[in-house]
Amino acid sequence: MAIEAVDWLSHAKQLLSLSSEPAYRDVISRSYYATYHRCLPLADGLDPTTEGGVHKQLSSQLTGSFDRKLQSLGYMLKQFRSARVNADYFLDLDIGIKEAQEAIALAERIFGRANEVSVAGKEAHS
């Protein structure tokens, strides 16, 4: 069974109900990956062997666009990636429901902006 980016976001929202720090960290991580996969079709030819990987390339390509909506998506993804790295790798940081809810809100903004770009004809499907 294949899933779509929005499925990751739905899963992240469900994790909020677990009310634990590991769940809040997973909310941030899953929300980030939902937005990453949502924005990936908006990019052209990312090379996974390039330094920094496709995550950095995606945000860089979007921020370097002439389209202001794509630029804003790139900046939001870059910000989100930092939050995801904190949630996944820095166990000494306190991550609570506030950060998890902020991640969901940011993911929803990114999905909305990506959908605007898609409607404007930047990708064939959402």
PDB file of N, CA and C in Angstrom:
ATOM      1  N   MET A   1       0.839  -1.169   0.000  1.00  0.00           N
ATOM      2  CA  MET A   1       0.000   0.000   0.000  1.00  0.00           C
ATOM      3  C   MET A   1       0.891   1.241   0.000  1.00  0.00           C
ATOM      4  N   ALA A   2       0.684   2.098  -0.949  1.00  0.00           N
ATOM      5  CA  ALA A   2       1.436   3.351  -1.034  1.00  0.00           C
ATOM      6  C   ALA A   2       0.747   4.418  -0.187  1.00  0.00           C
ATOM      7  N   ILE A   3       1.554   5.331   0.328  1.00  0.00           N
ATOM      8  CA  ILE A   3       0.981   6.444   1.075  1.00  0.00           C
ATOM      9  C   ILE A   3       1.391   7.754   0.412  1.00  0.00           C
ATOM     10  N   GLU A   4       0.750   8.811   0.825  1.00  0.00           N
ATOM     11  CA  GLU A   4       1.047  10.144   0.318  1.00  0.00           C
ATOM     12  C   GLU A   4       1.535  11.015   1.464  1.00  0.00           C
ATOM     13  N   ALA A   5       2.088  12.149   1.127  1.00  0.00           N
ATOM     14  CA  ALA A   5       2.637  13.070   2.129  1.00  0.00           C
ATOM     15  C   ALA A   5       1.603  13.436   3.192  1.00  0.00           C
ATOM     16  N   VAL A   6       0.391  13.634   2.780  1.00  0.00           N
ATOM     17  CA  VAL A   6      -0.655  14.026   3.724  1.00  0.00           C
ATOM     18  C   VAL A   6      -0.920  12.930   4.764  1.00  0.00           C
ATOM     19  N   ASP A   7      -0.644  11.678   4.407  1.00  0.00           N
ATOM     20  CA  ASP A   7      -0.813  10.580   5.362  1.00  0.00           C
ATOM     21  C   ASP A   7       0.165  10.713   6.527  1.00  0.00           C
ATOM     22  N   TRP A   8       1.389  11.166   6.233  1.00  0.00           N
ATOM     23  CA  TRP A   8       2.367  11.406   7.304  1.00  0.00           C
ATOM     24  C   TRP A   8       1.876  12.501   8.240  1.00  0.00           C
ATOM     25  N   LEU A   9       1.282  13.530   7.662  1.00  0.00           N
ATOM     26  CA  LEU A   9       0.777  14.628   8.485  1.00  0.00           C
ATOM     27  C   LEU A   9      -0.391  14.156   9.353  1.00  0.00           C
ATOM     28  N   SER A  10      -1.272  13.374   8.806  1.00  0.00           N
ATOM     29  CA  SER A  10      -2.383  12.820   9.592  1.00  0.00           C
ATOM     30  C   SER A  10      -1.866  11.960  10.736  1.00  0.00           C
ATOM     31  N   HIS A  11      -0.857  11.162  10.451  1.00  0.00           N
ATOM     32  CA  HIS A  11      -0.254  10.320  11.482  1.00  0.00           C
ATOM     33  C   HIS A  11       0.365  11.184  12.588  1.00  0.00           C
ATOM     34  N   ALA A  12       1.050  12.234  12.190  1.00  0.00           N
ATOM     35  CA  ALA A  12       1.663  13.136  13.178  1.00  0.00           C
ATOM     36  C   ALA A  12       0.598  13.726  14.099  1.00  0.00           C
ATOM     37  N   LYS A  13      -0.522  14.109  13.543  1.00  0.00           N
ATOM     38  CA  LYS A  13      -1.612  14.666  14.355  1.00  0.00           C
ATOM     39  C   LYS A  13      -2.137  13.636  15.346  1.00  0.00           C
ATOM     40  N   GLN A  14      -2.215  12.399  14.933  1.00  0.00           N
ATOM     41  CA  GLN A  14      -2.671  11.329  15.827  1.00  0.00           C
ATOM     42  C   GLN A  14      -1.699  11.117  16.981  1.00  0.00           C
ATOM     43  N   LEU A  15      -0.416  11.289  16.713  1.00  0.00           N
ATOM     44  CA  LEU A  15       0.601  11.088  17.749  1.00  0.00           C
ATOM     45  C   LEU A  15       0.483  12.092  18.897  1.00  0.00           C
ATOM     46  N   LEU A  16      -0.092  13.257  18.631  1.00  0.00           N
ATOM     47  CA  LEU A  16      -0.267  14.264  19.685  1.00  0.00           C
ATOM     48  C   LEU A  16      -1.023  13.701  20.885  1.00  0.00           C
ATOM     49  N   SER A  17      -1.960  12.813  20.630  1.00  0.00           N
ATOM     50  CA  SER A  17      -2.803  12.278  21.707  1.00  0.00           C
ATOM     51  C   SER A  17      -2.032  11.377  22.671  1.00  0.00           C
ATOM     52  N   LEU A  18      -0.835  10.948  22.307  1.00  0.00           N
ATOM     53  CA  LEU A  18      -0.053  10.082  23.183  1.00  0.00           C
ATOM     54  C   LEU A  18       0.545  10.844  24.364  1.00  0.00           C
ATOM     55  N   SER A  19       0.602  12.150  24.265  1.00  0.00           N
ATOM     56  CA  SER A  19       1.009  13.031  25.369  1.00  0.00           C
ATOM     57  C   SER A  19       2.290  12.586  26.071  1.00  0.00           C
ATOM     58  N   SER A  20       3.340  12.381  25.283  1.00  0.00           N
ATOM     59  CA  SER A  20       4.645  12.052  25.862  1.00  0.00           C
ATOM     60  C   SER A  20       5.728  12.740  25.028  1.00  0.00           C
ATOM     61  N   GLU A  21       6.881  12.938  25.635  1.00  0.00           N
ATOM     62  CA  GLU A  21       7.950  13.598  24.892  1.00  0.00           C
ATOM     63  C   GLU A  21       8.384  12.810  23.660  1.00  0.00           C
ATOM     64  N   PRO A  22       8.530  11.483  23.742  1.00  0.00           N
ATOM     65  CA  PRO A  22       8.871  10.762  22.506  1.00  0.00           C
ATOM     66  C   PRO A  22       7.818  10.968  21.408  1.00  0.00           C
ATOM     67  N   ALA A  23       6.558  11.001  21.792  1.00  0.00           N
ATOM     68  CA  ALA A  23       5.499  11.230  20.801  1.00  0.00           C
ATOM     69  C   ALA A  23       5.600  12.635  20.213  1.00  0.00           C
ATOM     70  N   TYR A  24       5.876  13.635  21.048  1.00  0.00           N
ATOM     71  CA  TYR A  24       6.004  15.012  20.556  1.00  0.00           C
ATOM     72  C   TYR A  24       7.183  15.122  19.588  1.00  0.00           C
ATOM     73  N   ARG A  25       8.266  14.428  19.895  1.00  0.00           N
ATOM     74  CA  ARG A  25       9.422  14.418  18.994  1.00  0.00           C
ATOM     75  C   ARG A  25       9.040  13.761  17.666  1.00  0.00           C
ATOM     76  N   ASP A  26       8.287  12.681  17.728  1.00  0.00           N
ATOM     77  CA  ASP A  26       7.829  12.018  16.506  1.00  0.00           C
ATOM     78  C   ASP A  26       6.877  12.903  15.711  1.00  0.00           C
ATOM     79  N   VAL A  27       6.049  13.682  16.397  1.00  0.00           N
ATOM     80  CA  VAL A  27       5.149  14.615  15.716  1.00  0.00           C
ATOM     81  C   VAL A  27       5.972  15.571  14.856  1.00  0.00           C
ATOM     82  N   ILE A  28       7.020  16.115  15.433  1.00  0.00           N
ATOM     83  CA  ILE A  28       7.867  17.061  14.706  1.00  0.00           C
ATOM     84  C   ILE A  28       8.533  16.376  13.515  1.00  0.00           C
ATOM     85  N   SER A  29       9.080  15.199  13.756  1.00  0.00           N
ATOM     86  CA  SER A  29       9.768  14.468  12.703  1.00  0.00           C
ATOM     87  C   SER A  29       8.823  14.072  11.568  1.00  0.00           C
ATOM     88  N   ARG A  30       7.702  13.467  11.902  1.00  0.00           N
ATOM     89  CA  ARG A  30       6.740  13.038  10.869  1.00  0.00           C
ATOM     90  C   ARG A  30       6.167  14.239  10.121  1.00  0.00           C
ATOM     91  N   SER A  31       5.907  15.324  10.835  1.00  0.00           N
ATOM     92  CA  SER A  31       5.385  16.538  10.180  1.00  0.00           C
ATOM     93  C   SER A  31       6.393  17.089   9.190  1.00  0.00           C
ATOM     94  N   TYR A  32       7.662  17.096   9.604  1.00  0.00           N
ATOM     95  CA  TYR A  32       8.709  17.580   8.692  1.00  0.00           C
ATOM     96  C   TYR A  32       8.751  16.703   7.441  1.00  0.00           C
ATOM     97  N   TYR A  33       8.785  15.395   7.626  1.00  0.00           N
ATOM     98  CA  TYR A  33       8.875  14.515   6.463  1.00  0.00           C
ATOM     99  C   TYR A  33       7.632  14.608   5.575  1.00  0.00           C
ATOM    100  N   ALA A  34       6.500  14.887   6.162  1.00  0.00           N
ATOM    101  CA  ALA A  34       5.294  15.116   5.354  1.00  0.00           C
ATOM    102  C   ALA A  34       5.506  16.322   4.441  1.00  0.00           C
ATOM    103  N   THR A  35       6.054  17.402   4.986  1.00  0.00           N
ATOM    104  CA  THR A  35       6.268  18.608   4.177  1.00  0.00           C
ATOM    105  C   THR A  35       7.376  18.396   3.151  1.00  0.00           C
ATOM    106  N   TYR A  36       8.408  17.668   3.545  1.00  0.00           N
ATOM    107  CA  TYR A  36       9.492  17.362   2.610  1.00  0.00           C
ATOM    108  C   TYR A  36       8.922  16.627   1.391  1.00  0.00           C
ATOM    109  N   HIS A  37       8.138  15.580   1.638  1.00  0.00           N
ATOM    110  CA  HIS A  37       7.572  14.810   0.531  1.00  0.00           C
ATOM    111  C   HIS A  37       6.535  15.606  -0.254  1.00  0.00           C
ATOM    112  N   ARG A  38       5.838  16.524   0.411  1.00  0.00           N
ATOM    113  CA  ARG A  38       4.868  17.365  -0.295  1.00  0.00           C
ATOM    114  C   ARG A  38       5.576  18.327  -1.248  1.00  0.00           C
ATOM    115  N   CYS A  39       6.730  18.837  -0.832  1.00  0.00           N
ATOM    116  CA  CYS A  39       7.444  19.832  -1.636  1.00  0.00           C
ATOM    117  C   CYS A  39       8.380  19.214  -2.668  1.00  0.00           C
ATOM    118  N   LEU A  40       8.748  17.971  -2.496  1.00  0.00           N
ATOM    119  CA  LEU A  40       9.695  17.324  -3.402  1.00  0.00           C
ATOM    120  C   LEU A  40       9.284  17.408  -4.877  1.00  0.00           C
ATOM    121  N   PRO A  41       8.015  17.223  -5.227  1.00  0.00           N
ATOM    122  CA  PRO A  41       7.631  17.325  -6.645  1.00  0.00           C
ATOM    123  C   PRO A  41       7.799  18.732  -7.225  1.00  0.00           C
ATOM    124  N   LEU A  42       7.994  19.727  -6.372  1.00  0.00           N
ATOM    125  CA  LEU A  42       8.162  21.094  -6.856  1.00  0.00           C
ATOM    126  C   LEU A  42       9.601  21.387  -7.277  1.00  0.00           C
ATOM    127  N   ALA A  43      10.511  20.459  -7.004  1.00  0.00           N
ATOM    128  CA  ALA A  43      11.930  20.649  -7.299  1.00  0.00           C
ATOM    129  C   ALA A  43      12.318  19.919  -8.580  1.00  0.00           C
ATOM    130  N   ASP A  44      13.458  20.324  -9.117  1.00  0.00           N
ATOM    131  CA  ASP A  44      13.973  19.708 -10.332  1.00  0.00           C
ATOM    132  C   ASP A  44      15.272  18.975 -10.048  1.00  0.00           C
ATOM    133  N   GLY A  45      15.315  17.693 -10.331  1.00  0.00           N
ATOM    134  CA  GLY A  45      16.535  16.904 -10.345  1.00  0.00           C
ATOM    135  C   GLY A  45      17.471  17.030  -9.164  1.00  0.00           C
ATOM    136  N   LEU A  46      17.055  16.608  -8.000  1.00  0.00           N
ATOM    137  CA  LEU A  46      17.931  16.630  -6.839  1.00  0.00           C
ATOM    138  C   LEU A  46      18.885  15.448  -6.889  1.00  0.00           C
ATOM    139  N   ASP A  47      20.130  15.671  -6.489  1.00  0.00           N
ATOM    140  CA  ASP A  47      21.163  14.637  -6.522  1.00  0.00           C
ATOM    141  C   ASP A  47      21.485  14.181  -5.103  1.00  0.00           C
ATOM    142  N   PRO A  48      21.102  12.953  -4.725  1.00  0.00           N
ATOM    143  CA  PRO A  48      21.328  12.486  -3.355  1.00  0.00           C
ATOM    144  C   PRO A  48      22.801  12.338  -2.983  1.00  0.00           C
ATOM    145  N   THR A  49      23.701  12.378  -3.961  1.00  0.00           N
ATOM    146  CA  THR A  49      25.123  12.238  -3.649  1.00  0.00           C
ATOM    147  C   THR A  49      25.804  13.573  -3.348  1.00  0.00           C
ATOM    148  N   THR A  50      25.101  14.670  -3.517  1.00  0.00           N
ATOM    149  CA  THR A  50      25.660  15.991  -3.257  1.00  0.00           C
ATOM    150  C   THR A  50      25.761  16.235  -1.756  1.00  0.00           C
ATOM    151  N   GLU A  51      26.811  16.948  -1.360  1.00  0.00           N
ATOM    152  CA  GLU A  51      27.002  17.269   0.063  1.00  0.00           C
ATOM    153  C   GLU A  51      25.767  17.972   0.613  1.00  0.00           C
ATOM    154  N   GLY A  52      25.342  17.542   1.792  1.00  0.00           N
ATOM    155  CA  GLY A  52      24.153  18.110   2.408  1.00  0.00           C
ATOM    156  C   GLY A  52      22.906  17.316   2.075  1.00  0.00           C
ATOM    157  N   GLY A  53      22.990  16.493   1.044  1.00  0.00           N
ATOM    158  CA  GLY A  53      21.866  15.631   0.689  1.00  0.00           C
ATOM    159  C   GLY A  53      20.690  16.370   0.083  1.00  0.00           C
ATOM    160  N   VAL A  54      19.649  15.601  -0.183  1.00  0.00           N
ATOM    161  CA  VAL A  54      18.486  16.146  -0.876  1.00  0.00           C
ATOM    162  C   VAL A  54      17.671  17.093  -0.006  1.00  0.00           C
ATOM    163  N   HIS A  55      17.736  16.946   1.304  1.00  0.00           N
ATOM    164  CA  HIS A  55      16.967  17.849   2.165  1.00  0.00           C
ATOM    165  C   HIS A  55      17.483  19.281   2.028  1.00  0.00           C
ATOM    166  N   LYS A  56      18.791  19.426   2.107  1.00  0.00           N
ATOM    167  CA  LYS A  56      19.392  20.750   1.951  1.00  0.00           C
ATOM    168  C   LYS A  56      19.196  21.261   0.529  1.00  0.00           C
ATOM    169  N   GLN A  57      19.353  20.379  -0.447  1.00  0.00           N
ATOM    170  CA  GLN A  57      19.167  20.779  -1.847  1.00  0.00           C
ATOM    171  C   GLN A  57      17.750  21.277  -2.102  1.00  0.00           C
ATOM    172  N   LEU A  58      16.773  20.588  -1.526  1.00  0.00           N
ATOM    173  CA  LEU A  58      15.386  20.974  -1.744  1.00  0.00           C
ATOM    174  C   LEU A  58      15.138  22.388  -1.248  1.00  0.00           C
ATOM    175  N   SER A  59      15.508  22.670  -0.009  1.00  0.00           N
ATOM    176  CA  SER A  59      15.265  24.018   0.518  1.00  0.00           C
ATOM    177  C   SER A  59      16.086  25.044  -0.246  1.00  0.00           C
ATOM    178  N   SER A  60      17.310  24.714  -0.627  1.00  0.00           N
ATOM    179  CA  SER A  60      18.151  25.658  -1.383  1.00  0.00           C
ATOM    180  C   SER A  60      17.567  25.943  -2.760  1.00  0.00           C
ATOM    181  N   GLN A  61      17.105  24.895  -3.429  1.00  0.00           N
ATOM    182  CA  GLN A  61      16.526  25.097  -4.754  1.00  0.00           C
ATOM    183  C   GLN A  61      15.276  25.973  -4.684  1.00  0.00           C
ATOM    184  N   LEU A  62      14.451  25.720  -3.681  1.00  0.00           N
ATOM    185  CA  LEU A  62      13.230  26.511  -3.553  1.00  0.00           C
ATOM    186  C   LEU A  62      13.539  27.957  -3.186  1.00  0.00           C
ATOM    187  N   THR A  63      14.460  28.182  -2.246  1.00  0.00           N
ATOM    188  CA  THR A  63      14.790  29.560  -1.862  1.00  0.00           C
ATOM    189  C   THR A  63      15.464  30.306  -3.004  1.00  0.00           C
ATOM    190  N   GLY A  64      16.118  29.580  -3.922  1.00  0.00           N
ATOM    191  CA  GLY A  64      16.781  30.217  -5.053  1.00  0.00           C
ATOM    192  C   GLY A  64      15.871  30.471  -6.240  1.00  0.00           C
ATOM    193  N   SER A  65      14.622  30.131  -6.107  1.00  0.00           N
ATOM    194  CA  SER A  65      13.661  30.314  -7.200  1.00  0.00           C
ATOM    195  C   SER A  65      13.312  31.789  -7.376  1.00  0.00           C
ATOM    196  N   PHE A  66      12.836  32.128  -8.564  1.00  0.00           N
ATOM    197  CA  PHE A  66      12.332  33.472  -8.809  1.00  0.00           C
ATOM    198  C   PHE A  66      10.889  33.625  -8.336  1.00  0.00           C
ATOM    199  N   ASP A  67      10.239  32.516  -8.051  1.00  0.00           N
ATOM    200  CA  ASP A  67       8.852  32.513  -7.588  1.00  0.00           C
ATOM    201  C   ASP A  67       8.836  32.737  -6.070  1.00  0.00           C
ATOM    202  N   ARG A  68       8.176  33.788  -5.629  1.00  0.00           N
ATOM    203  CA  ARG A  68       8.165  34.131  -4.201  1.00  0.00           C
ATOM    204  C   ARG A  68       7.519  33.043  -3.333  1.00  0.00           C
ATOM    205  N   LYS A  69       6.517  32.375  -3.855  1.00  0.00           N
ATOM    206  CA  LYS A  69       5.882  31.301  -3.083  1.00  0.00           C
ATOM    207  C   LYS A  69       6.835  30.133  -2.900  1.00  0.00           C
ATOM    208  N   LEU A  70       7.583  29.807  -3.945  1.00  0.00           N
ATOM    209  CA  LEU A  70       8.578  28.739  -3.822  1.00  0.00           C
ATOM    210  C   LEU A  70       9.692  29.158  -2.861  1.00  0.00           C
ATOM    211  N   GLN A  71      10.078  30.416  -2.921  1.00  0.00           N
ATOM    212  CA  GLN A  71      11.100  30.919  -1.995  1.00  0.00           C
ATOM    213  C   GLN A  71      10.642  30.761  -0.552  1.00  0.00           C
ATOM    214  N   SER A  72       9.409  31.157  -0.288  1.00  0.00           N
ATOM    215  CA  SER A  72       8.907  31.065   1.084  1.00  0.00           C
ATOM    216  C   SER A  72       8.818  29.606   1.538  1.00  0.00           C
ATOM    217  N   LEU A  73       8.455  28.714   0.623  1.00  0.00           N
ATOM    218  CA  LEU A  73       8.449  27.280   0.955  1.00  0.00           C
ATOM    219  C   LEU A  73       9.852  26.820   1.348  1.00  0.00           C
ATOM    220  N   GLY A  74      10.840  27.262   0.612  1.00  0.00           N
ATOM    221  CA  GLY A  74      12.219  26.895   0.911  1.00  0.00           C
ATOM    222  C   GLY A  74      12.654  27.369   2.287  1.00  0.00           C
ATOM    223  N   TYR A  75      12.310  28.600   2.634  1.00  0.00           N
ATOM    224  CA  TYR A  75      12.677  29.122   3.952  1.00  0.00           C
ATOM    225  C   TYR A  75      11.936  28.386   5.076  1.00  0.00           C
ATOM    226  N   MET A  76      10.670  28.100   4.843  1.00  0.00           N
ATOM    227  CA  MET A  76       9.917  27.365   5.862  1.00  0.00           C
ATOM    228  C   MET A  76      10.472  25.951   6.046  1.00  0.00           C
ATOM    229  N   LEU A  77      10.826  25.290   4.944  1.00  0.00           N
ATOM    230  CA  LEU A  77      11.407  23.945   5.042  1.00  0.00           C
ATOM    231  C   LEU A  77      12.737  23.967   5.787  1.00  0.00           C
ATOM    232  N   LYS A  78      13.539  24.973   5.518  1.00  0.00           N
ATOM    233  CA  LYS A  78      14.837  25.093   6.198  1.00  0.00           C
ATOM    234  C   LYS A  78      14.631  25.245   7.703  1.00  0.00           C
ATOM    235  N   GLN A  79      13.697  26.094   8.093  1.00  0.00           N
ATOM    236  CA  GLN A  79      13.367  26.294   9.503  1.00  0.00           C
ATOM    237  C   GLN A  79      12.860  24.986  10.110  1.00  0.00           C
ATOM    238  N   PHE A  80      12.010  24.305   9.380  1.00  0.00           N
ATOM    239  CA  PHE A  80      11.406  23.068   9.864  1.00  0.00           C
ATOM    240  C   PHE A  80      12.460  21.975  10.023  1.00  0.00           C
ATOM    241  N   ARG A  81      13.399  21.928   9.084  1.00  0.00           N
ATOM    242  CA  ARG A  81      14.452  20.916   9.166  1.00  0.00           C
ATOM    243  C   ARG A  81      15.256  21.080  10.452  1.00  0.00           C
ATOM    244  N   SER A  82      15.521  22.311  10.848  1.00  0.00           N
ATOM    245  CA  SER A  82      16.243  22.551  12.108  1.00  0.00           C
ATOM    246  C   SER A  82      15.460  22.010  13.298  1.00  0.00           C
ATOM    247  N   ALA A  83      14.162  22.227  13.291  1.00  0.00           N
ATOM    248  CA  ALA A  83      13.323  21.705  14.382  1.00  0.00           C
ATOM    249  C   ALA A  83      13.335  20.181  14.389  1.00  0.00           C
ATOM    250  N   ARG A  84      13.303  19.586  13.210  1.00  0.00           N
ATOM    251  CA  ARG A  84      13.327  18.126  13.096  1.00  0.00           C
ATOM    252  C   ARG A  84      14.656  17.559  13.595  1.00  0.00           C
ATOM    253  N   VAL A  85      15.745  18.210  13.245  1.00  0.00           N
ATOM    254  CA  VAL A  85      17.063  17.765  13.717  1.00  0.00           C
ATOM    255  C   VAL A  85      17.123  17.841  15.247  1.00  0.00           C
ATOM    256  N   ASN A  86      16.609  18.921  15.811  1.00  0.00           N
ATOM    257  CA  ASN A  86      16.572  19.043  17.276  1.00  0.00           C
ATOM    258  C   ASN A  86      15.762  17.916  17.901  1.00  0.00           C
ATOM    259  N   ALA A  87      14.610  17.634  17.316  1.00  0.00           N
ATOM    260  CA  ALA A  87      13.733  16.593  17.867  1.00  0.00           C
ATOM    261  C   ALA A  87      14.347  15.202  17.742  1.00  0.00           C
ATOM    262  N   ASP A  88      15.038  14.952  16.647  1.00  0.00           N
ATOM    263  CA  ASP A  88      15.582  13.619  16.392  1.00  0.00           C
ATOM    264  C   ASP A  88      16.925  13.350  17.054  1.00  0.00           C
ATOM    265  N   TYR A  89      17.751  14.373  17.206  1.00  0.00           N
ATOM    266  CA  TYR A  89      19.137  14.129  17.611  1.00  0.00           C
ATOM    267  C   TYR A  89      19.558  14.730  18.945  1.00  0.00           C
ATOM    268  N   PHE A  90      18.868  15.745  19.415  1.00  0.00           N
ATOM    269  CA  PHE A  90      19.290  16.417  20.640  1.00  0.00           C
ATOM    270  C   PHE A  90      18.363  16.036  21.788  1.00  0.00           C
ATOM    271  N   LEU A  91      18.659  14.888  22.377  1.00  0.00           N
ATOM    272  CA  LEU A  91      17.804  14.339  23.418  1.00  0.00           C
ATOM    273  C   LEU A  91      17.857  15.134  24.716  1.00  0.00           C
ATOM    274  N   ASP A  92      18.860  15.984  24.867  1.00  0.00           N
ATOM    275  CA  ASP A  92      18.953  16.805  26.073  1.00  0.00           C
ATOM    276  C   ASP A  92      18.029  18.020  26.017  1.00  0.00           C
ATOM    277  N   LEU A  93      17.464  18.318  24.860  1.00  0.00           N
ATOM    278  CA  LEU A  93      16.504  19.416  24.731  1.00  0.00           C
ATOM    279  C   LEU A  93      15.124  18.952  25.178  1.00  0.00           C
ATOM    280  N   ASP A  94      14.420  19.821  25.884  1.00  0.00           N
ATOM    281  CA  ASP A  94      13.034  19.511  26.253  1.00  0.00           C
ATOM    282  C   ASP A  94      12.129  19.834  25.076  1.00  0.00           C
ATOM    283  N   ILE A  95      11.368  18.854  24.649  1.00  0.00           N
ATOM    284  CA  ILE A  95      10.401  19.017  23.565  1.00  0.00           C
ATOM    285  C   ILE A  95       9.032  18.706  24.153  1.00  0.00           C
ATOM    286  N   GLY A  96       8.135  19.659  24.051  1.00  0.00           N
ATOM    287  CA  GLY A  96       6.815  19.475  24.633  1.00  0.00           C
ATOM    288  C   GLY A  96       5.699  19.634  23.621  1.00  0.00           C
ATOM    289  N   ILE A  97       4.497  19.682  24.140  1.00  0.00           N
ATOM    290  CA  ILE A  97       3.321  19.784  23.268  1.00  0.00           C
ATOM    291  C   ILE A  97       3.327  21.081  22.465  1.00  0.00           C
ATOM    292  N   LYS A  98       3.851  22.147  23.047  1.00  0.00           N
ATOM    293  CA  LYS A  98       3.898  23.431  22.328  1.00  0.00           C
ATOM    294  C   LYS A  98       4.690  23.292  21.034  1.00  0.00           C
ATOM    295  N   GLU A  99       5.873  22.693  21.118  1.00  0.00           N
ATOM    296  CA  GLU A  99       6.704  22.510  19.925  1.00  0.00           C
ATOM    297  C   GLU A  99       6.033  21.577  18.919  1.00  0.00           C
ATOM    298  N   ALA A 100       5.370  20.549  19.421  1.00  0.00           N
ATOM    299  CA  ALA A 100       4.668  19.621  18.537  1.00  0.00           C
ATOM    300  C   ALA A 100       3.511  20.320  17.820  1.00  0.00           C
ATOM    301  N   GLN A 101       2.753  21.127  18.549  1.00  0.00           N
ATOM    302  CA  GLN A 101       1.643  21.853  17.927  1.00  0.00           C
ATOM    303  C   GLN A 101       2.147  22.882  16.917  1.00  0.00           C
ATOM    304  N   GLU A 102       3.272  23.520  17.232  1.00  0.00           N
ATOM    305  CA  GLU A 102       3.868  24.473  16.287  1.00  0.00           C
ATOM    306  C   GLU A 102       4.304  23.761  15.011  1.00  0.00           C
ATOM    307  N   ALA A 103       4.815  22.539  15.147  1.00  0.00           N
ATOM    308  CA  ALA A 103       5.228  21.763  13.981  1.00  0.00           C
ATOM    309  C   ALA A 103       4.031  21.427  13.092  1.00  0.00           C
ATOM    310  N   ILE A 104       2.937  21.036  13.704  1.00  0.00           N
ATOM    311  CA  ILE A 104       1.721  20.743  12.931  1.00  0.00           C
ATOM    312  C   ILE A 104       1.247  22.004  12.206  1.00  0.00           C
ATOM    313  N   ALA A 105       1.248  23.122  12.897  1.00  0.00           N
ATOM    314  CA  ALA A 105       0.803  24.385  12.287  1.00  0.00           C
ATOM    315  C   ALA A 105       1.708  24.773  11.120  1.00  0.00           C
ATOM    316  N   LEU A 106       3.014  24.629  11.292  1.00  0.00           N
ATOM    317  CA  LEU A 106       3.944  24.948  10.208  1.00  0.00           C
ATOM    318  C   LEU A 106       3.733  24.007   9.032  1.00  0.00           C
ATOM    319  N   ALA A 107       3.543  22.739   9.307  1.00  0.00           N
ATOM    320  CA  ALA A 107       3.298  21.772   8.230  1.00  0.00           C
ATOM    321  C   ALA A 107       2.035  22.139   7.449  1.00  0.00           C
ATOM    322  N   GLU A 108       1.000  22.542   8.152  1.00  0.00           N
ATOM    323  CA  GLU A 108      -0.240  22.929   7.468  1.00  0.00           C
ATOM    324  C   GLU A 108      -0.035  24.168   6.599  1.00  0.00           C
ATOM    325  N   ARG A 109       0.772  25.122   7.082  1.00  0.00           N
ATOM    326  CA  ARG A 109       1.085  26.308   6.266  1.00  0.00           C
ATOM    327  C   ARG A 109       1.875  25.911   5.015  1.00  0.00           C
ATOM    328  N   ILE A 110       2.830  25.004   5.182  1.00  0.00           N
ATOM    329  CA  ILE A 110       3.628  24.564   4.037  1.00  0.00           C
ATOM    330  C   ILE A 110       2.759  23.820   3.031  1.00  0.00           C
ATOM    331  N   PHE A 111       1.883  22.941   3.510  1.00  0.00           N
ATOM    332  CA  PHE A 111       0.973  22.240   2.601  1.00  0.00           C
ATOM    333  C   PHE A 111       0.096  23.238   1.847  1.00  0.00           C
ATOM    334  N   GLY A 112      -0.421  24.232   2.552  1.00  0.00           N
ATOM    335  CA  GLY A 112      -1.264  25.238   1.911  1.00  0.00           C
ATOM    336  C   GLY A 112      -0.527  25.996   0.829  1.00  0.00           C
ATOM    337  N   ARG A 113       0.694  26.416   1.143  1.00  0.00           N
ATOM    338  CA  ARG A 113       1.496  27.146   0.157  1.00  0.00           C
ATOM    339  C   ARG A 113       1.856  26.246  -1.019  1.00  0.00           C
ATOM    340  N   ALA A 114       2.224  25.005  -0.759  1.00  0.00           N
ATOM    341  CA  ALA A 114       2.552  24.069  -1.844  1.00  0.00           C
ATOM    342  C   ALA A 114       1.341  23.829  -2.732  1.00  0.00           C
ATOM    343  N   ASN A 115       0.170  23.760  -2.133  1.00  0.00           N
ATOM    344  CA  ASN A 115      -1.053  23.587  -2.924  1.00  0.00           C
ATOM    345  C   ASN A 115      -1.323  24.810  -3.794  1.00  0.00           C
ATOM    346  N   GLU A 116      -1.033  26.005  -3.287  1.00  0.00           N
ATOM    347  CA  GLU A 116      -1.190  27.224  -4.091  1.00  0.00           C
ATOM    348  C   GLU A 116      -0.285  27.178  -5.310  1.00  0.00           C
ATOM    349  N   VAL A 117       0.950  26.747  -5.098  1.00  0.00           N
ATOM    350  CA  VAL A 117       1.906  26.647  -6.198  1.00  0.00           C
ATOM    351  C   VAL A 117       1.436  25.612  -7.205  1.00  0.00           C
ATOM    352  N   SER A 118       0.927  24.485  -6.716  1.00  0.00           N
ATOM    353  CA  SER A 118       0.453  23.418  -7.597  1.00  0.00           C
ATOM    354  C   SER A 118      -0.709  23.888  -8.454  1.00  0.00           C
ATOM    355  N   VAL A 119      -1.623  24.613  -7.845  1.00  0.00           N
ATOM    356  CA  VAL A 119      -2.779  25.139  -8.575  1.00  0.00           C
ATOM    357  C   VAL A 119      -2.327  26.109  -9.651  1.00  0.00           C
ATOM    358  N   ALA A 120      -1.237  26.834  -9.376  1.00  0.00           N
ATOM    359  CA  ALA A 120      -0.716  27.790 -10.336  1.00  0.00           C
ATOM    360  C   ALA A 120       0.034  27.108 -11.488  1.00  0.00           C
ATOM    361  N   GLY A 121       0.120  25.749 -11.434  1.00  0.00           N
ATOM    362  CA  GLY A 121       0.693  25.022 -12.546  1.00  0.00           C
ATOM    363  C   GLY A 121       2.147  24.639 -12.413  1.00  0.00           C
ATOM    364  N   LYS A 122       2.690  24.670 -11.207  1.00  0.00           N
ATOM    365  CA  LYS A 122       4.093  24.325 -11.024  1.00  0.00           C
ATOM    366  C   LYS A 122       4.339  22.833 -10.964  1.00  0.00           C
ATOM    367  N   GLU A 123       3.319  22.037 -10.767  1.00  0.00           N
ATOM    368  CA  GLU A 123       3.481  20.579 -10.783  1.00  0.00           C
ATOM    369  C   GLU A 123       2.219  19.965 -11.355  1.00  0.00           C
ATOM    370  N   ALA A 124       2.348  18.780 -11.832  1.00  0.00           N
ATOM    371  CA  ALA A 124       1.241  18.116 -12.498  1.00  0.00           C
ATOM    372  C   ALA A 124       0.220  17.542 -11.531  1.00  0.00           C
ATOM    373  N   HIS A 125       0.654  17.202 -10.303  1.00  0.00           N
ATOM    374  CA  HIS A 125      -0.263  16.593  -9.346  1.00  0.00           C
ATOM    375  C   HIS A 125       0.117  17.012  -7.953  1.00  0.00           C
ATOM    376  N   SER A 126      -0.836  16.909  -7.014  1.00  0.00           N
ATOM    377  CA  SER A 126      -0.523  17.250  -5.620  1.00  0.00           C
ATOM    378  C   SER A 126      -0.430  16.037  -4.764  1.00  0.00           C
TER     379      SER A 126
END
